[in-house]
Amino acid sequence: MKKLFVLSVGMMVLLAVTLPLAAQSPSDFGQTKAYPPIKVLAGPQNPNNPSGILPRAFKAAYGFNQIPNQGQGMTIALVDAYKDPNIASDLAFYASYFHIAPCNFQVVDLATVEGQGWDLEESLDVEQACVLAPQANIVLVEAASSNYSDLLTAVATASAAPYNATVVSMSWGGGEGQGEQQYDSYFCNIVNGNGQPVTFIAATGDGGHGTIYPSTSPCVIAAGGTTLALTSAAPLGNPLLLDYGTESAWNGSGGGVSGFELQPSFQSPACATWSSTNRCVPDIASDANPGTGVPVYDTFSYSGWVQVGGTSVATPDWAGFLTLVNSARVLAGKGTLSQADYDLYQIYYSSNYLTDFHDITSGTNGGCGSQCDTGPGYDLVTGIGTYQANKLYGPLVAATN
């Protein structure tokens, strides 16, 4: 079994005596509302034509086009709030438009209220999952409300039987507060109804420097954002060619040092510059700038195509990638990833780091000095960087649970 990370008693005592109390009590935190960190491209858009980095170009940029596995046998869950009555038809149109075989899609509807500004997020999540893991079972769990208590009920539903997700994407979050730690139990050492370990991924937010929960949980992979440029705007002739140009930090990428969560031991060397005790986010990143964002098809609050960005994009994209990894692991007779964040940091500390990741060394998410600036290696804007998916895939498939 993989070695568990350790949070020492001394660290817990230090945290208890040095952190300020938030306005709400621990028992109130579950009623705090979360929000989807999604950003619509400013300015006029054409609802009849998709714009942004289209699926084929996105896969070529990060190397997904060189991964033969398509997620077969796995379930990826996207957890959001409220009901989108058009989600199935919107996904079907999206898949048909981009010539993706119809994805195996299911809605688990825990909601009665529609919309509330979450339908675009739902469309984004399921459509990106369909692009990157088209043969996986894609399950959208619609929470009854945007309260943490309802969203986390949906999180628990996603990995329980009969859905049995092995990767859960959470493109939402809210301000940290006293009492959040009691909800970490929804993410730590969770197995699904089939006894398989579950990986959780959450967005770090779109407001620049700062932290939101649940991305700060030490048992969640925190996804930050970048600005991605392709080498060629036109589709490359060979579908297996790569099209990665340059990448810098997106100024909206959330990141920083948690005021409430303890640092897992595997993160200590990476985060030592900023804290020896508290959780640092993000862990990883992917394209999130709405200016270099992705097309989403939504007909509930919009009239068709919308170009969007935000760490809401990075979250399902990483979830899709880890679904491919889990599928390959199971096909090879191995278990699904357990503590995938641990594995990502082990690669970061290894000699293969720059082979498997793009290290993002330019850009900033604020004016707070070193905490807001990128640089070589880990930083509080883009974490350890973005995936070279075709290269990172193999080591994660081979990782020991």
Protein backbone atom coordinates (compact mmCIF):
# COMPACT_ATOMS: atom_id res chain seq x y z
CA MET A 1 0.00 0.00 0.00
CA LYS A 2 1.06 3.54 -0.66
CA LYS A 3 2.44 5.46 2.28
CA LEU A 4 -0.14 7.83 3.82
CA PHE A 5 0.78 11.46 4.31
CA VAL A 6 1.19 12.60 7.89
CA LEU A 7 -0.16 15.63 9.73
CA SER A 8 1.65 15.87 13.05
CA VAL A 9 0.08 16.72 16.41
CA GLY A 10 2.52 19.59 16.75
CA MET A 11 1.39 21.06 13.45
CA MET A 12 -2.25 20.78 14.56
CA VAL A 13 -1.53 22.60 17.81
CA LEU A 14 0.37 25.34 15.98
CA LEU A 15 -2.50 25.78 13.56
CA ALA A 16 -5.07 25.93 16.34
CA VAL A 17 -3.31 28.71 18.24
CA THR A 18 -2.26 30.90 15.31
CA LEU A 19 -5.24 31.01 12.97
CA PRO A 20 -8.02 33.61 13.29
CA LEU A 21 -11.60 32.47 13.72
CA ALA A 22 -13.93 32.97 10.77
CA ALA A 23 -17.31 34.64 11.15
CA GLN A 24 -19.26 31.39 11.08
CA SER A 25 -19.05 28.54 13.58
CA PRO A 26 -17.96 25.06 12.45
CA SER A 27 -21.57 23.88 12.43
CA ASP A 28 -22.54 26.71 10.05
CA PHE A 29 -19.94 25.97 7.39
CA GLY A 30 -22.08 23.39 5.62
CA GLN A 31 -24.66 26.07 4.85
CA THR A 32 -22.08 28.31 3.16
CA LYS A 33 -22.70 28.63 -0.56
CA ALA A 34 -20.18 27.63 -3.18
CA TYR A 35 -19.99 29.05 -6.68
CA PRO A 36 -18.77 27.79 -10.08
CA PRO A 37 -15.56 29.58 -11.11
CA ILE A 38 -16.38 29.89 -14.78
CA LYS A 39 -15.56 32.91 -16.93
CA VAL A 40 -17.39 33.80 -20.14
CA LEU A 41 -15.29 35.54 -22.78
CA ALA A 42 -16.07 39.25 -22.69
CA GLY A 43 -17.54 40.85 -25.78
CA PRO A 44 -19.91 39.60 -28.47
CA GLN A 45 -20.03 35.91 -29.31
CA ASN A 46 -21.61 33.99 -32.15
CA PRO A 47 -24.03 31.40 -30.74
CA ASN A 48 -24.09 29.64 -34.12
CA ASN A 49 -20.37 28.91 -34.31
CA PRO A 50 -17.97 27.50 -31.69
CA SER A 51 -14.87 29.55 -30.87
CA GLY A 52 -11.80 29.08 -28.73
CA ILE A 53 -9.52 26.06 -28.67
CA LEU A 54 -11.60 23.34 -30.32
CA PRO A 55 -11.44 19.74 -29.04
CA ARG A 56 -9.01 18.38 -31.63
CA ALA A 57 -6.62 21.31 -31.08
CA PHE A 58 -6.88 21.02 -27.30
CA LYS A 59 -5.99 17.32 -27.41
CA ALA A 60 -3.06 18.05 -29.73
CA ALA A 61 -1.79 20.83 -27.47
CA TYR A 62 -1.41 18.67 -24.38
CA GLY A 63 -0.76 15.30 -26.02
CA PHE A 64 -4.12 13.61 -25.39
CA ASN A 65 -4.16 12.72 -29.08
CA GLN A 66 -1.27 10.31 -28.50
CA ILE A 67 -3.02 8.36 -25.73
CA PRO A 68 -4.85 5.33 -27.16
CA ASN A 69 -7.00 4.74 -24.09
CA GLN A 70 -10.37 6.50 -24.13
CA GLY A 71 -11.52 5.82 -20.58
CA GLN A 72 -13.32 2.54 -21.18
CA GLY A 73 -14.58 0.77 -18.08
CA MET A 74 -14.27 3.82 -15.82
CA THR A 75 -16.81 6.28 -14.47
CA ILE A 76 -16.03 9.98 -14.22
CA ALA A 77 -18.43 12.06 -12.12
CA LEU A 78 -19.02 15.79 -12.48
CA VAL A 79 -20.66 17.30 -9.40
CA ASP A 80 -22.57 20.58 -9.80
CA ALA A 81 -25.64 22.25 -8.31
CA TYR A 82 -29.23 22.64 -9.49
CA LYS A 83 -31.03 21.15 -12.46
CA ASP A 84 -30.27 21.70 -16.14
CA PRO A 85 -33.19 20.20 -18.10
CA ASN A 86 -31.33 20.63 -21.42
CA ILE A 87 -28.06 18.97 -20.42
CA ALA A 88 -28.56 15.65 -22.23
CA SER A 89 -29.65 17.22 -25.52
CA ASP A 90 -26.90 19.86 -25.32
CA LEU A 91 -24.25 17.17 -24.83
CA ALA A 92 -25.66 15.12 -27.70
CA PHE A 93 -25.51 18.14 -30.03
CA TYR A 94 -21.95 18.95 -28.90
CA ALA A 95 -20.73 15.39 -29.49
CA SER A 96 -22.39 15.22 -32.90
CA TYR A 97 -20.96 18.60 -33.97
CA PHE A 98 -17.40 17.54 -33.17
CA HIS A 99 -17.85 14.00 -34.51
CA ILE A 100 -17.41 12.35 -31.12
CA ALA A 101 -19.16 9.01 -30.73
CA PRO A 102 -22.17 9.47 -28.42
CA CYS A 103 -20.85 9.46 -24.87
CA ASN A 104 -22.37 7.16 -22.25
CA PHE A 105 -24.06 9.83 -20.14
CA GLN A 106 -26.29 9.74 -17.09
CA VAL A 107 -27.78 12.44 -14.86
CA VAL A 108 -28.26 11.80 -11.15
CA ASP A 109 -30.79 14.48 -10.30
CA LEU A 110 -30.87 15.44 -6.62
CA ALA A 111 -32.27 18.88 -7.46
CA THR A 112 -35.73 20.31 -8.11
CA VAL A 113 -34.74 23.94 -8.76
CA GLU A 114 -33.44 24.74 -12.26
CA GLY A 115 -30.57 26.91 -13.44
CA GLN A 116 -29.47 29.40 -10.80
CA GLY A 117 -26.43 30.21 -12.97
CA TRP A 118 -25.02 26.66 -12.86
CA ASP A 119 -26.22 25.26 -16.20
CA LEU A 120 -23.28 26.64 -18.19
CA GLU A 121 -20.91 25.00 -15.71
CA GLU A 122 -22.72 21.70 -16.10
CA SER A 123 -22.50 21.91 -19.89
CA LEU A 124 -18.80 22.74 -19.70
CA ASP A 125 -18.05 19.87 -17.35
CA VAL A 126 -19.81 17.09 -19.21
CA GLU A 127 -18.68 18.28 -22.64
CA GLN A 128 -15.01 18.40 -21.64
CA ALA A 129 -15.34 14.95 -20.08
CA CYS A 130 -16.88 13.67 -23.31
CA VAL A 131 -13.97 15.10 -25.33
CA LEU A 132 -11.17 13.67 -23.20
CA ALA A 133 -12.66 10.38 -21.97
CA PRO A 134 -15.29 9.58 -24.61
CA GLN A 135 -15.62 5.88 -23.74
CA ALA A 136 -15.98 6.40 -19.99
CA ASN A 137 -19.28 6.41 -18.17
CA ILE A 138 -19.99 10.10 -17.59
CA VAL A 139 -22.21 10.84 -14.60
CA LEU A 140 -23.45 14.33 -13.76
CA VAL A 141 -24.64 14.59 -10.16
CA GLU A 142 -26.85 17.65 -9.69
CA ALA A 143 -26.87 18.72 -6.03
CA ALA A 144 -30.06 20.08 -4.50
CA SER A 145 -28.44 23.49 -3.89
CA SER A 146 -25.10 25.25 -3.87
CA ASN A 147 -24.70 24.83 -0.11
CA TYR A 148 -21.63 22.83 0.84
CA SER A 149 -23.81 20.32 2.67
CA ASP A 150 -25.82 19.55 -0.49
CA LEU A 151 -22.81 19.58 -2.79
CA LEU A 152 -20.94 17.17 -0.55
CA THR A 153 -23.97 14.89 -0.41
CA ALA A 154 -23.70 14.83 -4.21
CA VAL A 155 -19.96 14.09 -3.95
CA ALA A 156 -20.68 11.08 -1.74
CA THR A 157 -23.39 9.91 -4.14
CA ALA A 158 -20.98 10.05 -7.09
CA SER A 159 -18.62 7.39 -5.78
CA ALA A 160 -21.22 5.19 -4.08
CA ALA A 161 -23.03 2.31 -5.77
CA PRO A 162 -24.47 2.13 -8.32
CA TYR A 163 -22.42 4.95 -9.92
CA ASN A 164 -18.98 4.02 -8.57
CA ALA A 165 -16.95 6.92 -9.96
CA THR A 166 -13.17 6.61 -9.63
CA VAL A 167 -12.60 10.31 -10.43
CA VAL A 168 -14.83 13.14 -9.16
CA SER A 169 -14.57 16.66 -10.64
CA MET A 170 -15.70 19.62 -8.54
CA SER A 171 -15.67 22.88 -10.51
CA TRP A 172 -16.82 24.97 -7.57
CA GLY A 173 -15.75 26.38 -4.25
CA GLY A 174 -16.20 29.13 -1.73
CA GLY A 175 -14.30 31.03 0.90
CA GLU A 176 -12.46 29.05 3.51
CA GLY A 177 -13.78 29.07 7.04
CA GLN A 178 -13.65 27.60 10.51
CA GLY A 179 -15.16 24.12 10.33
CA GLU A 180 -14.14 23.20 6.80
CA GLN A 181 -11.78 20.50 8.09
CA GLN A 182 -14.70 18.36 9.26
CA TYR A 183 -15.72 17.98 5.62
CA ASP A 184 -12.35 16.62 4.51
CA SER A 185 -13.68 13.18 5.43
CA TYR A 186 -15.67 13.29 2.17
CA PHE A 187 -12.36 13.14 0.25
CA CYS A 188 -9.78 11.31 2.38
CA ASN A 189 -9.17 7.60 1.72
CA ILE A 190 -12.50 7.13 -0.08
CA VAL A 191 -13.25 3.98 -2.05
CA ASN A 192 -16.20 3.57 -4.38
CA GLY A 193 -18.89 0.89 -4.26
CA ASN A 194 -16.54 -1.50 -6.05
CA GLY A 195 -13.79 -0.97 -3.49
CA GLN A 196 -11.67 1.15 -5.87
CA PRO A 197 -9.83 4.28 -4.62
CA VAL A 198 -11.39 7.59 -5.70
CA THR A 199 -9.54 10.74 -6.79
CA PHE A 200 -11.09 14.19 -6.22
CA ILE A 201 -10.18 17.35 -8.17
CA ALA A 202 -11.38 20.90 -7.41
CA ALA A 203 -11.00 24.34 -8.96
CA THR A 204 -8.91 26.95 -7.14
CA GLY A 205 -11.06 29.89 -8.27
CA ASP A 206 -10.92 32.74 -10.78
CA GLY A 207 -10.23 35.74 -8.57
CA GLY A 208 -6.46 35.65 -8.63
CA HIS A 209 -4.46 35.25 -5.44
CA GLY A 210 -6.51 33.60 -2.70
CA THR A 211 -7.83 30.22 -1.62
CA ILE A 212 -11.19 28.46 -1.75
CA TYR A 213 -12.53 25.21 -0.36
CA PRO A 214 -12.60 22.28 -1.23
CA SER A 215 -9.45 22.77 -3.33
CA THR A 216 -7.55 23.43 -0.08
CA SER A 217 -8.42 20.02 1.36
CA PRO A 218 -5.21 17.96 1.64
CA CYS A 219 -7.09 15.05 0.04
CA VAL A 220 -8.13 16.97 -3.10
CA ILE A 221 -6.05 17.81 -6.18
CA ALA A 222 -6.26 21.59 -6.65
CA ALA A 223 -6.43 22.80 -10.27
CA GLY A 224 -5.15 26.27 -11.20
CA GLY A 225 -5.17 28.04 -14.55
CA THR A 226 -2.92 29.09 -17.42
CA THR A 227 -3.03 30.91 -20.76
CA LEU A 228 -2.28 28.48 -23.58
CA ALA A 229 -1.04 29.42 -27.05
CA LEU A 230 -0.90 26.90 -29.90
CA THR A 231 1.85 26.70 -32.47
CA SER A 232 -0.77 26.70 -35.22
CA ALA A 233 -4.33 27.98 -35.11
CA ALA A 234 -5.27 25.74 -38.03
CA PRO A 235 -5.75 21.98 -37.44
CA LEU A 236 -2.58 20.05 -38.13
CA GLY A 237 -2.72 17.61 -41.04
CA ASN A 238 -1.70 14.60 -38.95
CA PRO A 239 -4.06 14.04 -36.00
CA LEU A 240 -1.18 12.61 -33.94
CA LEU A 241 1.03 15.71 -34.18
CA LEU A 242 1.46 17.92 -31.14
CA ASP A 243 0.48 21.59 -31.22
CA TYR A 244 1.78 23.01 -27.95
CA GLY A 245 3.14 26.52 -28.34
CA THR A 246 3.69 28.56 -25.19
CA GLU A 247 2.00 28.79 -21.81
CA SER A 248 1.98 31.31 -19.00
CA ALA A 249 0.03 31.81 -15.79
CA TRP A 250 -3.51 33.14 -16.13
CA ASN A 251 -3.96 36.19 -13.91
CA GLY A 252 -7.26 34.83 -12.57
CA SER A 253 -5.81 31.56 -11.31
CA GLY A 254 -6.58 31.05 -7.62
CA GLY A 255 -3.72 30.09 -5.36
CA GLY A 256 -2.07 30.69 -2.03
CA VAL A 257 -1.59 29.20 1.42
CA SER A 258 -4.66 27.87 3.24
CA GLY A 259 -5.52 29.52 6.52
CA PHE A 260 -7.19 26.38 7.87
CA GLU A 261 -5.85 23.19 6.28
CA LEU A 262 -2.65 21.39 7.21
CA GLN A 263 0.01 20.56 4.66
CA PRO A 264 0.31 16.93 3.55
CA SER A 265 3.84 15.66 4.03
CA PHE A 266 4.36 14.95 0.32
CA GLN A 267 3.91 18.67 -0.42
CA SER A 268 6.40 19.92 2.17
CA PRO A 269 9.51 20.18 -0.06
CA ALA A 270 7.59 21.95 -2.83
CA CYS A 271 5.87 24.49 -0.58
CA ALA A 272 8.69 25.13 1.89
CA THR A 273 9.31 28.65 0.55
CA TRP A 274 5.84 29.80 1.65
CA SER A 275 4.82 27.53 4.53
CA SER A 276 6.09 24.55 6.50
CA THR A 277 2.72 23.81 8.10
CA ASN A 278 -0.22 24.83 5.90
CA ARG A 279 -1.64 23.49 2.65
CA CYS A 280 -0.51 25.23 -0.53
CA VAL A 281 -2.59 25.43 -3.71
CA PRO A 282 -2.78 24.80 -6.59
CA ASP A 283 -1.17 21.43 -7.20
CA ILE A 284 -1.42 21.44 -11.00
CA ALA A 285 -2.91 23.61 -13.75
CA SER A 286 -4.32 23.65 -17.26
CA ASP A 287 -5.65 26.23 -19.73
CA ALA A 288 -8.20 28.52 -18.05
CA ASN A 289 -7.99 31.97 -19.66
CA PRO A 290 -11.35 32.70 -21.34
CA GLY A 291 -9.40 34.35 -24.16
CA THR A 292 -7.81 30.98 -24.93
CA GLY A 293 -10.77 29.03 -23.59
CA VAL A 294 -13.01 26.32 -24.98
CA PRO A 295 -16.39 26.26 -26.72
CA VAL A 296 -19.42 25.14 -24.72
CA TYR A 297 -22.87 24.43 -26.08
CA ASP A 298 -25.65 25.55 -23.72
CA THR A 299 -29.30 26.26 -24.52
CA PHE A 300 -30.76 26.82 -21.04
CA SER A 301 -29.32 30.25 -20.21
CA TYR A 302 -27.65 30.84 -23.59
CA SER A 303 -28.56 30.45 -27.24
CA GLY A 304 -25.95 27.93 -28.28
CA TRP A 305 -22.17 28.28 -28.43
CA VAL A 306 -20.30 30.18 -25.72
CA GLN A 307 -16.52 30.54 -25.28
CA VAL A 308 -15.54 30.11 -21.64
CA GLY A 309 -12.54 29.78 -19.36
CA GLY A 310 -11.80 29.62 -15.67
CA THR A 311 -10.34 26.97 -13.42
CA SER A 312 -13.72 25.33 -14.06
CA VAL A 313 -12.12 24.20 -17.33
CA ALA A 314 -8.89 22.93 -15.80
CA THR A 315 -10.78 20.77 -13.29
CA PRO A 316 -12.75 18.45 -15.63
CA ASP A 317 -9.76 18.36 -17.98
CA TRP A 318 -7.52 16.90 -15.28
CA ALA A 319 -10.37 14.62 -14.23
CA GLY A 320 -10.63 13.35 -17.79
CA PHE A 321 -6.90 12.70 -17.94
CA LEU A 322 -6.87 10.73 -14.68
CA THR A 323 -9.84 8.72 -15.93
CA LEU A 324 -7.71 7.57 -18.87
CA VAL A 325 -4.94 6.62 -16.45
CA ASN A 326 -7.31 4.64 -14.25
CA SER A 327 -8.74 2.81 -17.25
CA ALA A 328 -5.28 1.74 -18.39
CA ARG A 329 -4.35 0.67 -14.86
CA VAL A 330 -7.41 -1.57 -14.53
CA LEU A 331 -6.85 -3.05 -17.97
CA ALA A 332 -3.31 -3.90 -16.80
CA GLY A 333 -4.67 -5.67 -13.71
CA LYS A 334 -3.87 -2.84 -11.29
CA GLY A 335 -6.03 -0.78 -8.97
CA THR A 336 -7.18 2.75 -9.70
CA LEU A 337 -4.97 5.55 -8.42
CA SER A 338 -4.84 5.94 -4.68
CA GLN A 339 -3.70 9.39 -3.47
CA ALA A 340 -2.99 10.56 -7.00
CA ASP A 341 -1.68 13.88 -5.65
CA TYR A 342 1.11 11.97 -3.92
CA ASP A 343 2.07 10.37 -7.26
CA LEU A 344 2.10 13.72 -9.06
CA TYR A 345 4.49 15.20 -6.50
CA GLN A 346 6.78 12.17 -6.65
CA ILE A 347 7.16 12.81 -10.38
CA TYR A 348 7.78 16.48 -9.63
CA TYR A 349 10.66 15.53 -7.30
CA SER A 350 12.11 13.10 -9.86
CA SER A 351 14.45 13.57 -12.80
CA ASN A 352 11.46 13.10 -15.14
CA TYR A 353 9.68 16.27 -14.05
CA LEU A 354 10.37 18.37 -17.14
CA THR A 355 9.64 15.40 -19.41
CA ASP A 356 6.18 14.83 -17.98
CA PHE A 357 5.10 18.38 -17.07
CA HIS A 358 5.20 21.85 -18.60
CA ASP A 359 6.82 24.03 -15.94
CA ILE A 360 5.06 27.42 -16.10
CA THR A 361 7.63 30.11 -15.31
CA SER A 362 6.01 33.38 -16.42
CA GLY A 363 2.93 35.30 -15.34
CA THR A 364 1.31 36.38 -12.10
CA ASN A 365 -2.08 36.30 -10.35
CA GLY A 366 -1.72 39.45 -8.27
CA GLY A 367 0.59 42.02 -6.72
CA CYS A 368 1.57 40.20 -3.55
CA GLY A 369 5.18 39.40 -4.42
CA SER A 370 6.51 35.85 -4.39
CA GLN A 371 3.15 34.27 -3.56
CA CYS A 372 1.66 35.78 -6.73
CA ASP A 373 4.53 35.12 -9.11
CA THR A 374 5.42 32.07 -11.14
CA GLY A 375 8.95 30.73 -11.39
CA PRO A 376 10.89 27.54 -12.00
CA GLY A 377 9.34 24.56 -10.23
CA TYR A 378 6.38 24.77 -7.86
CA ASP A 379 4.59 28.08 -7.40
CA LEU A 380 1.33 29.28 -5.86
CA VAL A 381 -0.18 30.22 -9.22
CA THR A 382 0.21 27.09 -11.39
CA GLY A 383 1.48 24.49 -8.90
CA ILE A 384 3.89 22.03 -10.45
CA GLY A 385 2.61 22.90 -13.92
CA THR A 386 0.47 21.47 -16.72
CA TYR A 387 0.47 17.97 -18.14
CA GLN A 388 2.38 16.65 -21.06
CA ALA A 389 -0.41 14.09 -21.07
CA ASN A 390 1.22 11.66 -23.50
CA LYS A 391 4.35 11.57 -21.30
CA LEU A 392 2.78 11.76 -17.83
CA TYR A 393 0.29 9.00 -18.64
CA GLY A 394 2.84 6.14 -18.55
CA PRO A 395 4.40 6.88 -15.14
CA LEU A 396 0.97 7.22 -13.55
CA VAL A 397 -0.21 3.95 -15.07
CA ALA A 398 2.93 2.34 -13.63
CA ALA A 399 2.67 3.99 -10.19
CA THR A 400 2.47 1.70 -7.15
CA ASN A 401 -0.68 2.03 -5.05
